[in-house]
PDB file of N, CA and C in Angstrom:
ATOM      1  N   UNK A   1       1.015  -0.982  -0.395  1.00  0.00           N
ATOM      2  CA  UNK A   1       0.490   0.301   0.358  1.00  0.00           C
ATOM      3  C   UNK A   1       0.973   1.148   0.652  1.00  0.00           C
ATOM      4  N   UNK A   2       0.885   1.611  -1.104  1.00  0.00           N
ATOM      5  CA  UNK A   2       1.179   3.113  -1.157  1.00  0.00           C
ATOM      6  C   UNK A   2       1.289   4.198   0.378  1.00  0.00           C
ATOM      7  N   UNK A   3       2.122   5.075   0.389  1.00  0.00           N
ATOM      8  CA  UNK A   3       1.749   6.760   1.511  1.00  0.00           C
ATOM      9  C   UNK A   3       1.158   7.040   0.937  1.00  0.00           C
ATOM     10  N   UNK A   4       0.127   7.894   2.219  1.00  0.00           N
ATOM     11  CA  UNK A   4      -0.395   8.904   1.060  1.00  0.00           C
ATOM     12  C   UNK A   4       0.200  10.216   1.058  1.00  0.00           C
ATOM     13  N   UNK A   5       1.479  10.381   1.600  1.00  0.00           N
ATOM     14  CA  UNK A   5       2.305  11.718   1.697  1.00  0.00           C
ATOM     15  C   UNK A   5       3.263  10.825   1.748  1.00  0.00           C
ATOM     16  N   UNK A   6       4.221  11.915   1.785  1.00  0.00           N
ATOM     17  CA  UNK A   6       5.967  12.169   1.718  1.00  0.00           C
ATOM     18  C   UNK A   6       5.697  12.927   2.658  1.00  0.00           C
ATOM     19  N   UNK A   7       7.456  13.421   3.065  1.00  0.00           N
ATOM     20  CA  UNK A   7       7.837  13.722   4.310  1.00  0.00           C
ATOM     21  C   UNK A   7       7.913  14.954   3.157  1.00  0.00           C
ATOM     22  N   UNK A   8       8.537  16.453   3.261  1.00  0.00           N
ATOM     23  CA  UNK A   8       9.051  17.124   2.540  1.00  0.00           C
ATOM     24  C   UNK A   8      10.785  16.908   1.999  1.00  0.00           C
ATOM     25  N   UNK A   9      11.477  16.530   3.075  1.00  0.00           N
ATOM     26  CA  UNK A   9      12.867  15.498   2.429  1.00  0.00           C
ATOM     27  C   UNK A   9      12.374  14.441   1.793  1.00  0.00           C
ATOM     28  N   UNK A  10      11.714  13.651   1.458  1.00  0.00           N
ATOM     29  CA  UNK A  10      11.446  12.227   1.105  1.00  0.00           C
ATOM     30  C   UNK A  10      11.839  12.851  -0.512  1.00  0.00           C
ATOM     31  N   UNK A  11      10.505  14.128  -0.534  1.00  0.00           N
ATOM     32  CA  UNK A  11      10.438  14.173  -1.642  1.00  0.00           C
ATOM     33  C   UNK A  11      11.310  15.073  -1.939  1.00  0.00           C
ATOM     34  N   UNK A  12      12.629  16.307  -1.482  1.00  0.00           N
ATOM     35  CA  UNK A  12      13.224  16.258  -2.299  1.00  0.00           C
ATOM     36  C   UNK A  12      14.376  15.703  -2.519  1.00  0.00           C
ATOM     37  N   UNK A  13      14.280  14.103  -1.452  1.00  0.00           N
ATOM     38  CA  UNK A  13      15.348  13.370  -2.156  1.00  0.00           C
ATOM     39  C   UNK A  13      15.148  12.949  -3.484  1.00  0.00           C
ATOM     40  N   UNK A  14      13.637  11.925  -3.715  1.00  0.00           N
ATOM     41  CA  UNK A  14      13.075  11.581  -5.253  1.00  0.00           C
ATOM     42  C   UNK A  14      13.342  12.135  -6.445  1.00  0.00           C
ATOM     43  N   UNK A  15      13.597  13.865  -5.999  1.00  0.00           N
ATOM     44  CA  UNK A  15      13.794  14.891  -6.701  1.00  0.00           C
ATOM     45  C   UNK A  15      15.178  14.915  -7.367  1.00  0.00           C
ATOM     46  N   UNK A  16      15.700  14.567  -6.362  1.00  0.00           N
ATOM     47  CA  UNK A  16      17.303  14.468  -6.266  1.00  0.00           C
ATOM     48  C   UNK A  16      17.641  13.598  -7.404  1.00  0.00           C
ATOM     49  N   UNK A  17      17.286  12.420  -7.151  1.00  0.00           N
ATOM     50  CA  UNK A  17      17.490  10.810  -7.354  1.00  0.00           C
ATOM     51  C   UNK A  17      16.988  10.692  -9.079  1.00  0.00           C
ATOM     52  N   UNK A  18      16.157  11.439  -8.901  1.00  0.00           N
ATOM     53  CA  UNK A  18      15.527  12.038 -10.969  1.00  0.00           C
ATOM     54  C   UNK A  18      15.828  12.790 -11.839  1.00  0.00           C
ATOM     55  N   UNK A  19      16.328  13.943 -11.407  1.00  0.00           N
ATOM     56  CA  UNK A  19      17.335  14.781 -11.131  1.00  0.00           C
ATOM     57  C   UNK A  19      18.093  15.183 -11.173  1.00  0.00           C
ATOM     58  N   UNK A  20      19.711  14.310 -12.019  1.00  0.00           N
ATOM     59  CA  UNK A  20      21.048  14.332 -11.076  1.00  0.00           C
ATOM     60  C   UNK A  20      21.278  16.101 -11.739  1.00  0.00           C
ATOM     61  N   UNK A  21      21.174  16.192 -12.313  1.00  0.00           N
ATOM     62  CA  UNK A  21      21.732  17.898 -12.981  1.00  0.00           C
ATOM     63  C   UNK A  21      20.901  18.794 -11.420  1.00  0.00           C
ATOM     64  N   UNK A  22      19.843  18.826 -11.589  1.00  0.00           N
ATOM     65  CA  UNK A  22      19.128  18.981 -10.397  1.00  0.00           C
ATOM     66  C   UNK A  22      19.673  19.487  -8.969  1.00  0.00           C
ATOM     67  N   UNK A  23      20.100  18.439  -9.185  1.00  0.00           N
ATOM     68  CA  UNK A  23      21.189  17.723  -7.967  1.00  0.00           C
ATOM     69  C   UNK A  23      22.330  19.279  -7.228  1.00  0.00           C
ATOM     70  N   UNK A  24      23.465  18.755  -9.321  1.00  0.00           N
ATOM     71  CA  UNK A  24      23.945  19.159  -9.087  1.00  0.00           C
ATOM     72  C   UNK A  24      24.124  21.011  -9.346  1.00  0.00           C
ATOM     73  N   UNK A  25      23.276  21.053 -10.238  1.00  0.00           N
ATOM     74  CA  UNK A  25      22.447  22.926  -9.840  1.00  0.00           C
ATOM     75  C   UNK A  25      22.181  23.155  -8.314  1.00  0.00           C
ATOM     76  N   UNK A  26      21.697  22.323  -7.599  1.00  0.00           N
ATOM     77  CA  UNK A  26      22.582  22.663  -5.928  1.00  0.00           C
ATOM     78  C   UNK A  26      23.232  23.058  -5.034  1.00  0.00           C
ATOM     79  N   UNK A  27      24.584  21.797  -5.780  1.00  0.00           N
ATOM     80  CA  UNK A  27      25.327  22.216  -5.457  1.00  0.00           C
ATOM     81  C   UNK A  27      25.978  23.637  -5.636  1.00  0.00           C
ATOM     82  N   UNK A  28      26.137  23.688  -6.607  1.00  0.00           N
ATOM     83  CA  UNK A  28      26.834  24.847  -7.143  1.00  0.00           C
ATOM     84  C   UNK A  28      25.682  26.386  -6.648  1.00  0.00           C
ATOM     85  N   UNK A  29      24.381  26.048  -6.207  1.00  0.00           N
ATOM     86  CA  UNK A  29      24.708  26.998  -5.616  1.00  0.00           C
ATOM     87  C   UNK A  29      24.333  27.778  -4.435  1.00  0.00           C
ATOM     88  N   UNK A  30      24.682  25.943  -3.149  1.00  0.00           N
ATOM     89  CA  UNK A  30      25.540  26.340  -2.718  1.00  0.00           C
ATOM     90  C   UNK A  30      26.805  26.845  -2.023  1.00  0.00           C
ATOM     91  N   UNK A  31      27.376  26.362  -3.188  1.00  0.00           N
ATOM     92  CA  UNK A  31      28.625  26.742  -3.501  1.00  0.00           C
ATOM     93  C   UNK A  31      28.954  27.786  -3.443  1.00  0.00           C
ATOM     94  N   UNK A  32      27.639  28.902  -4.340  1.00  0.00           N
ATOM     95  CA  UNK A  32      28.143  30.151  -4.433  1.00  0.00           C
ATOM     96  C   UNK A  32      27.784  31.316  -3.778  1.00  0.00           C
ATOM     97  N   UNK A  33      26.662  30.635  -2.795  1.00  0.00           N
ATOM     98  CA  UNK A  33      25.817  31.627  -1.646  1.00  0.00           C
ATOM     99  C   UNK A  33      26.445  30.551   0.027  1.00  0.00           C
ATOM    100  N   UNK A  34      26.594  29.639  -0.357  1.00  0.00           N
ATOM    101  CA  UNK A  34      27.402  29.643   0.619  1.00  0.00           C
ATOM    102  C   UNK A  34      29.028  29.276   1.541  1.00  0.00           C
ATOM    103  N   UNK A  35      28.685  28.507   2.539  1.00  0.00           N
ATOM    104  CA  UNK A  35      30.423  28.009   2.903  1.00  0.00           C
ATOM    105  C   UNK A  35      30.584  26.474   3.226  1.00  0.00           C
ATOM    106  N   UNK A  36      31.235  26.023   4.136  1.00  0.00           N
ATOM    107  CA  UNK A  36      32.448  25.412   3.795  1.00  0.00           C
ATOM    108  C   UNK A  36      30.882  23.638   4.896  1.00  0.00           C
ATOM    109  N   UNK A  37      30.281  24.193   5.627  1.00  0.00           N
ATOM    110  CA  UNK A  37      29.577  24.289   6.051  1.00  0.00           C
ATOM    111  C   UNK A  37      28.361  23.447   5.466  1.00  0.00           C
ATOM    112  N   UNK A  38      27.883  25.005   4.790  1.00  0.00           N
ATOM    113  CA  UNK A  38      26.667  24.332   3.523  1.00  0.00           C
ATOM    114  C   UNK A  38      26.815  23.851   2.825  1.00  0.00           C
ATOM    115  N   UNK A  39      27.980  23.783   2.585  1.00  0.00           N
ATOM    116  CA  UNK A  39      28.525  23.087   1.120  1.00  0.00           C
ATOM    117  C   UNK A  39      28.535  20.853   2.104  1.00  0.00           C
ATOM    118  N   UNK A  40      29.113  20.994   3.362  1.00  0.00           N
ATOM    119  CA  UNK A  40      29.270  19.784   3.404  1.00  0.00           C
ATOM    120  C   UNK A  40      27.955  19.128   3.897  1.00  0.00           C
ATOM    121  N   UNK A  41      27.359  19.948   4.518  1.00  0.00           N
ATOM    122  CA  UNK A  41      25.690  19.697   5.285  1.00  0.00           C
ATOM    123  C   UNK A  41      24.664  19.101   3.681  1.00  0.00           C
ATOM    124  N   UNK A  42      25.163  19.786   2.670  1.00  0.00           N
ATOM    125  CA  UNK A  42      23.825  19.935   1.487  1.00  0.00           C
ATOM    126  C   UNK A  42      24.452  18.365   1.010  1.00  0.00           C
ATOM    127  N   UNK A  43      25.888  18.318   1.311  1.00  0.00           N
ATOM    128  CA  UNK A  43      26.153  16.909   0.582  1.00  0.00           C
ATOM    129  C   UNK A  43      25.436  15.844   0.970  1.00  0.00           C
ATOM    130  N   UNK A  44      25.601  15.611   2.664  1.00  0.00           N
ATOM    131  CA  UNK A  44      25.554  14.636   3.592  1.00  0.00           C
ATOM    132  C   UNK A  44      23.674  14.657   3.321  1.00  0.00           C
ATOM    133  N   UNK A  45      22.721  15.293   2.641  1.00  0.00           N
ATOM    134  CA  UNK A  45      21.526  15.381   2.550  1.00  0.00           C
ATOM    135  C   UNK A  45      21.370  15.160   0.959  1.00  0.00           C
ATOM    136  N   UNK A  46      22.422  15.775  -0.307  1.00  0.00           N
ATOM    137  CA  UNK A  46      22.090  14.560  -1.463  1.00  0.00           C
ATOM    138  C   UNK A  46      22.747  12.894  -1.193  1.00  0.00           C
ATOM    139  N   UNK A  47      23.400  13.038  -0.625  1.00  0.00           N
ATOM    140  CA  UNK A  47      23.761  10.889  -0.255  1.00  0.00           C
ATOM    141  C   UNK A  47      22.694  10.253   0.100  1.00  0.00           C
ATOM    142  N   UNK A  48      21.664  10.839   0.320  1.00  0.00           N
ATOM    143  CA  UNK A  48      20.615  10.208   0.256  1.00  0.00           C
ATOM    144  C   UNK A  48      19.799   9.293  -1.265  1.00  0.00           C
ATOM    145  N   UNK A  49      20.352  10.886  -1.953  1.00  0.00           N
ATOM    146  CA  UNK A  49      19.152  10.637  -2.957  1.00  0.00           C
ATOM    147  C   UNK A  49      19.760   9.507  -4.017  1.00  0.00           C
ATOM    148  N   UNK A  50      21.767   8.975  -3.344  1.00  0.00           N
ATOM    149  CA  UNK A  50      22.481   8.374  -4.346  1.00  0.00           C
ATOM    150  C   UNK A  50      22.787   7.413  -4.086  1.00  0.00           C
ATOM    151  N   UNK A  51      21.784   6.632  -2.747  1.00  0.00           N
ATOM    152  CA  UNK A  51      21.758   5.400  -1.797  1.00  0.00           C
ATOM    153  C   UNK A  51      22.985   5.630  -0.728  1.00  0.00           C
ATOM    154  N   UNK A  52      22.608   6.470  -0.095  1.00  0.00           N
ATOM    155  CA  UNK A  52      22.655   7.006   1.453  1.00  0.00           C
ATOM    156  C   UNK A  52      24.553   6.999   1.575  1.00  0.00           C
ATOM    157  N   UNK A  53      24.730   7.567   3.002  1.00  0.00           N
ATOM    158  CA  UNK A  53      25.928   7.554   3.117  1.00  0.00           C
ATOM    159  C   UNK A  53      27.332   6.507   3.002  1.00  0.00           C
ATOM    160  N   UNK A  54      26.360   5.159   3.353  1.00  0.00           N
ATOM    161  CA  UNK A  54      26.931   4.245   3.674  1.00  0.00           C
ATOM    162  C   UNK A  54      27.077   3.628   2.013  1.00  0.00           C
ATOM    163  N   UNK A  55      26.322   3.792   1.027  1.00  0.00           N
ATOM    164  CA  UNK A  55      26.755   3.678  -0.046  1.00  0.00           C
ATOM    165  C   UNK A  55      27.291   4.617  -0.752  1.00  0.00           C
ATOM    166  N   UNK A  56      27.898   5.838  -0.911  1.00  0.00           N
ATOM    167  CA  UNK A  56      28.742   6.506  -1.375  1.00  0.00           C
ATOM    168  C   UNK A  56      29.801   5.955  -0.733  1.00  0.00           C
ATOM    169  N   UNK A  57      29.865   5.922   0.183  1.00  0.00           N
ATOM    170  CA  UNK A  57      30.885   5.372   1.353  1.00  0.00           C
ATOM    171  C   UNK A  57      32.007   4.320   0.472  1.00  0.00           C
ATOM    172  N   UNK A  58      30.918   3.031   0.390  1.00  0.00           N
ATOM    173  CA  UNK A  58      31.591   1.737  -0.384  1.00  0.00           C
ATOM    174  C   UNK A  58      32.127   2.676  -1.460  1.00  0.00           C
ATOM    175  N   UNK A  59      31.400   3.376  -2.862  1.00  0.00           N
ATOM    176  CA  UNK A  59      31.745   4.110  -3.596  1.00  0.00           C
ATOM    177  C   UNK A  59      33.312   4.510  -3.815  1.00  0.00           C
ATOM    178  N   UNK A  60      33.366   5.570  -2.371  1.00  0.00           N
ATOM    179  CA  UNK A  60      33.827   6.307  -2.752  1.00  0.00           C
ATOM    180  C   UNK A  60      35.387   5.970  -2.279  1.00  0.00           C
ATOM    181  N   UNK A  61      35.398   4.317  -1.275  1.00  0.00           N
ATOM    182  CA  UNK A  61      36.447   3.885  -0.742  1.00  0.00           C
ATOM    183  C   UNK A  61      37.057   4.665   0.151  1.00  0.00           C
ATOM    184  N   UNK A  62      35.769   4.418   1.173  1.00  0.00           N
ATOM    185  CA  UNK A  62      36.481   6.043   2.626  1.00  0.00           C
ATOM    186  C   UNK A  62      35.534   4.922   3.797  1.00  0.00           C
ATOM    187  N   UNK A  63      36.227   5.270   4.441  1.00  0.00           N
ATOM    188  CA  UNK A  63      34.951   4.531   6.131  1.00  0.00           C
ATOM    189  C   UNK A  63      33.867   4.796   6.186  1.00  0.00           C
ATOM    190  N   UNK A  64      32.685   4.387   6.237  1.00  0.00           N
ATOM    191  CA  UNK A  64      31.816   5.135   5.903  1.00  0.00           C
ATOM    192  C   UNK A  64      30.993   5.737   7.546  1.00  0.00           C
ATOM    193  N   UNK A  65      32.353   5.974   8.451  1.00  0.00           N
ATOM    194  CA  UNK A  65      32.260   6.203  10.004  1.00  0.00           C
ATOM    195  C   UNK A  65      32.661   7.538  10.210  1.00  0.00           C
ATOM    196  N   UNK A  66      33.814   7.693   8.521  1.00  0.00           N
ATOM    197  CA  UNK A  66      34.653   8.822   8.746  1.00  0.00           C
ATOM    198  C   UNK A  66      33.940   9.763   7.819  1.00  0.00           C
ATOM    199  N   UNK A  67      33.318   9.215   6.573  1.00  0.00           N
ATOM    200  CA  UNK A  67      32.108  10.163   6.317  1.00  0.00           C
ATOM    201  C   UNK A  67      31.262  10.794   6.748  1.00  0.00           C
ATOM    202  N   UNK A  68      29.899   9.684   7.857  1.00  0.00           N
ATOM    203  CA  UNK A  68      29.465  10.621   8.169  1.00  0.00           C
ATOM    204  C   UNK A  68      29.832  11.968   8.766  1.00  0.00           C
ATOM    205  N   UNK A  69      31.289  11.581   9.383  1.00  0.00           N
ATOM    206  CA  UNK A  69      32.083  12.979  10.165  1.00  0.00           C
ATOM    207  C   UNK A  69      32.498  14.258   9.348  1.00  0.00           C
ATOM    208  N   UNK A  70      33.247  13.886   8.422  1.00  0.00           N
ATOM    209  CA  UNK A  70      33.261  14.705   7.140  1.00  0.00           C
ATOM    210  C   UNK A  70      32.313  15.786   6.273  1.00  0.00           C
ATOM    211  N   UNK A  71      30.633  14.927   6.487  1.00  0.00           N
ATOM    212  CA  UNK A  71      29.519  15.507   6.107  1.00  0.00           C
ATOM    213  C   UNK A  71      29.231  16.447   6.533  1.00  0.00           C
ATOM    214  N   UNK A  72      29.332  16.293   8.382  1.00  0.00           N
ATOM    215  CA  UNK A  72      29.249  17.377   9.445  1.00  0.00           C
ATOM    216  C   UNK A  72      29.936  18.762   9.509  1.00  0.00           C
ATOM    217  N   UNK A  73      29.239  19.291  10.207  1.00  0.00           N
ATOM    218  CA  UNK A  73      28.792  21.205  10.315  1.00  0.00           C
ATOM    219  C   UNK A  73      30.372  20.711  10.328  1.00  0.00           C
ATOM    220  N   UNK A  74      31.492  19.909  10.974  1.00  0.00           N
ATOM    221  CA  UNK A  74      33.183  20.517  11.253  1.00  0.00           C
ATOM    222  C   UNK A  74      33.250  19.430  10.429  1.00  0.00           C
ATOM    223  N   UNK A  75      32.886  18.693   9.436  1.00  0.00           N
ATOM    224  CA  UNK A  75      33.798  18.254   8.531  1.00  0.00           C
ATOM    225  C   UNK A  75      34.755  19.377   7.900  1.00  0.00           C
ATOM    226  N   UNK A  76      36.034  18.692   7.165  1.00  0.00           N
ATOM    227  CA  UNK A  76      36.906  19.111   6.199  1.00  0.00           C
ATOM    228  C   UNK A  76      36.419  18.654   5.493  1.00  0.00           C
ATOM    229  N   UNK A  77      36.978  18.096   4.485  1.00  0.00           N
ATOM    230  CA  UNK A  77      37.349  17.201   3.636  1.00  0.00           C
ATOM    231  C   UNK A  77      39.055  17.584   3.049  1.00  0.00           C
ATOM    232  N   UNK A  78      39.453  16.051   2.502  1.00  0.00           N
ATOM    233  CA  UNK A  78      40.337  16.383   1.690  1.00  0.00           C
ATOM    234  C   UNK A  78      39.997  16.750   0.344  1.00  0.00           C
ATOM    235  N   UNK A  79      40.475  17.211  -0.658  1.00  0.00           N
ATOM    236  CA  UNK A  79      40.116  17.963  -1.989  1.00  0.00           C
ATOM    237  C   UNK A  79      39.699  16.461  -2.298  1.00  0.00           C
ATOM    238  N   UNK A  80      40.826  14.823  -2.676  1.00  0.00           N
ATOM    239  CA  UNK A  80      40.851  14.158  -2.467  1.00  0.00           C
ATOM    240  C   UNK A  80      39.150  12.865  -2.281  1.00  0.00           C
ATOM    241  N   UNK A  81      38.980  13.360  -0.983  1.00  0.00           N
ATOM    242  CA  UNK A  81      37.975  12.376  -0.695  1.00  0.00           C
ATOM    243  C   UNK A  81      36.582  13.015  -1.294  1.00  0.00           C
ATOM    244  N   UNK A  82      36.825  14.565  -1.258  1.00  0.00           N
ATOM    245  CA  UNK A  82      35.658  15.757  -2.190  1.00  0.00           C
ATOM    246  C   UNK A  82      35.352  15.247  -3.615  1.00  0.00           C
ATOM    247  N   UNK A  83      36.099  14.641  -4.145  1.00  0.00           N
ATOM    248  CA  UNK A  83      36.416  14.099  -5.167  1.00  0.00           C
ATOM    249  C   UNK A  83      35.743  12.810  -5.242  1.00  0.00           C
ATOM    250  N   UNK A  84      36.091  12.286  -3.926  1.00  0.00           N
ATOM    251  CA  UNK A  84      35.640  10.389  -4.313  1.00  0.00           C
ATOM    252  C   UNK A  84      34.082  10.755  -4.332  1.00  0.00           C
ATOM    253  N   UNK A  85      34.052  11.818  -3.137  1.00  0.00           N
ATOM    254  CA  UNK A  85      32.155  11.770  -3.137  1.00  0.00           C
ATOM    255  C   UNK A  85      31.550  12.294  -4.272  1.00  0.00           C
ATOM    256  N   UNK A  86      32.294  13.042  -5.048  1.00  0.00           N
ATOM    257  CA  UNK A  86      30.800  14.057  -5.903  1.00  0.00           C
ATOM    258  C   UNK A  86      31.337  12.400  -7.020  1.00  0.00           C
ATOM    259  N   UNK A  87      32.977  11.650  -7.400  1.00  0.00           N
ATOM    260  CA  UNK A  87      32.486  11.418  -8.226  1.00  0.00           C
ATOM    261  C   UNK A  87      30.738  10.072  -7.982  1.00  0.00           C
ATOM    262  N   UNK A  88      31.402   9.410  -7.181  1.00  0.00           N
ATOM    263  CA  UNK A  88      30.291   8.444  -6.441  1.00  0.00           C
ATOM    264  C   UNK A  88      28.667   9.336  -6.499  1.00  0.00           C
ATOM    265  N   UNK A  89      28.662  10.260  -6.027  1.00  0.00           N
ATOM    266  CA  UNK A  89      27.281  10.572  -6.974  1.00  0.00           C
ATOM    267  C   UNK A  89      26.699  11.068  -8.585  1.00  0.00           C
ATOM    268  N   UNK A  90      28.604  10.609  -8.912  1.00  0.00           N
ATOM    269  CA  UNK A  90      27.974  11.155 -10.507  1.00  0.00           C
ATOM    270  C   UNK A  90      28.067  12.164 -11.100  1.00  0.00           C
ATOM    271  N   UNK A  91      28.999  13.154 -10.090  1.00  0.00           N
ATOM    272  CA  UNK A  91      29.637  14.776 -10.126  1.00  0.00           C
ATOM    273  C   UNK A  91      30.984  14.755 -10.408  1.00  0.00           C
ATOM    274  N   UNK A  92      31.061  15.890 -10.418  1.00  0.00           N
ATOM    275  CA  UNK A  92      32.668  15.943 -10.158  1.00  0.00           C
ATOM    276  C   UNK A  92      32.885  17.347  -9.760  1.00  0.00           C
ATOM    277  N   UNK A  93      34.847  17.387 -10.210  1.00  0.00           N
ATOM    278  CA  UNK A  93      34.054  19.610  -8.868  1.00  0.00           C
ATOM    279  C   UNK A  93      34.850  19.939 -10.915  1.00  0.00           C
ATOM    280  N   UNK A  94      34.399  21.245 -10.409  1.00  0.00           N
ATOM    281  CA  UNK A  94      34.467  22.363 -11.911  1.00  0.00           C
ATOM    282  C   UNK A  94      34.943  23.594 -11.756  1.00  0.00           C
ATOM    283  N   UNK A  95      35.327  24.140 -12.401  1.00  0.00           N
ATOM    284  CA  UNK A  95      36.073  25.586 -11.995  1.00  0.00           C
ATOM    285  C   UNK A  95      35.996  26.330 -13.490  1.00  0.00           C
ATOM    286  N   UNK A  96      35.311  27.483 -13.338  1.00  0.00           N
ATOM    287  CA  UNK A  96      34.269  28.619 -13.843  1.00  0.00           C
ATOM    288  C   UNK A  96      34.825  29.900 -13.321  1.00  0.00           C
ATOM    289  N   UNK A  97      34.776  30.766 -14.796  1.00  0.00           N
ATOM    290  CA  UNK A  97      35.377  31.835 -14.299  1.00  0.00           C
ATOM    291  C   UNK A  97      34.420  32.910 -13.777  1.00  0.00           C
ATOM    292  N   UNK A  98      34.779  33.880 -13.621  1.00  0.00           N
ATOM    293  CA  UNK A  98      33.416  34.843 -12.983  1.00  0.00           C
ATOM    294  C   UNK A  98      32.809  35.713 -13.571  1.00  0.00           C
ATOM    295  N   UNK A  99      31.852  36.143 -14.269  1.00  0.00           N
ATOM    296  CA  UNK A  99      31.867  36.922 -15.815  1.00  0.00           C
ATOM    297  C   UNK A  99      31.820  38.399 -14.946  1.00  0.00           C
ATOM    298  N   UNK A 100      32.706  39.425 -15.569  1.00  0.00           N
ATOM    299  CA  UNK A 100      32.203  40.132 -14.310  1.00  0.00           C
ATOM    300  C   UNK A 100      32.101  41.609 -15.926  1.00  0.00           C
ATOM    301  N   UNK A 101      31.569  42.861 -15.316  1.00  0.00           N
ATOM    302  CA  UNK A 101      31.264  43.645 -16.709  1.00  0.00           C
ATOM    303  C   UNK A 101      32.339  45.248 -15.933  1.00  0.00           C
ATOM    304  N   UNK A 102      32.497  44.421 -17.772  1.00  0.00           N
ATOM    305  CA  UNK A 102      33.911  45.616 -17.632  1.00  0.00           C
ATOM    306  C   UNK A 102      33.513  46.918 -17.424  1.00  0.00           C
ATOM    307  N   UNK A 103      34.448  48.042 -16.518  1.00  0.00           N
ATOM    308  CA  UNK A 103      34.148  48.979 -16.787  1.00  0.00           C
ATOM    309  C   UNK A 103      34.740  50.171 -17.393  1.00  0.00           C
TER     310      UNK A 103
END
């Protein structure tokens, strides 16, 4: 029997699971407007859409306990770990120029 409703978190996870491009846009938005803590919490939230922390840890070849700690408010992953987490989610780091109006 299907649930009559779902929570906001459940709906958000399903939306990101169905649309990885939207998940990438969300992370890019966090990178523009947020700080490191916001990014770690966003990655932890997104991990639910990509199999959960345990699965992301397995694919990223990182200890699950370490990954939970990494994706906490105090998390501070190495670039290698961040790249592995994103790869497990089907994403990658990219650099883009900041477009500025010329005076």
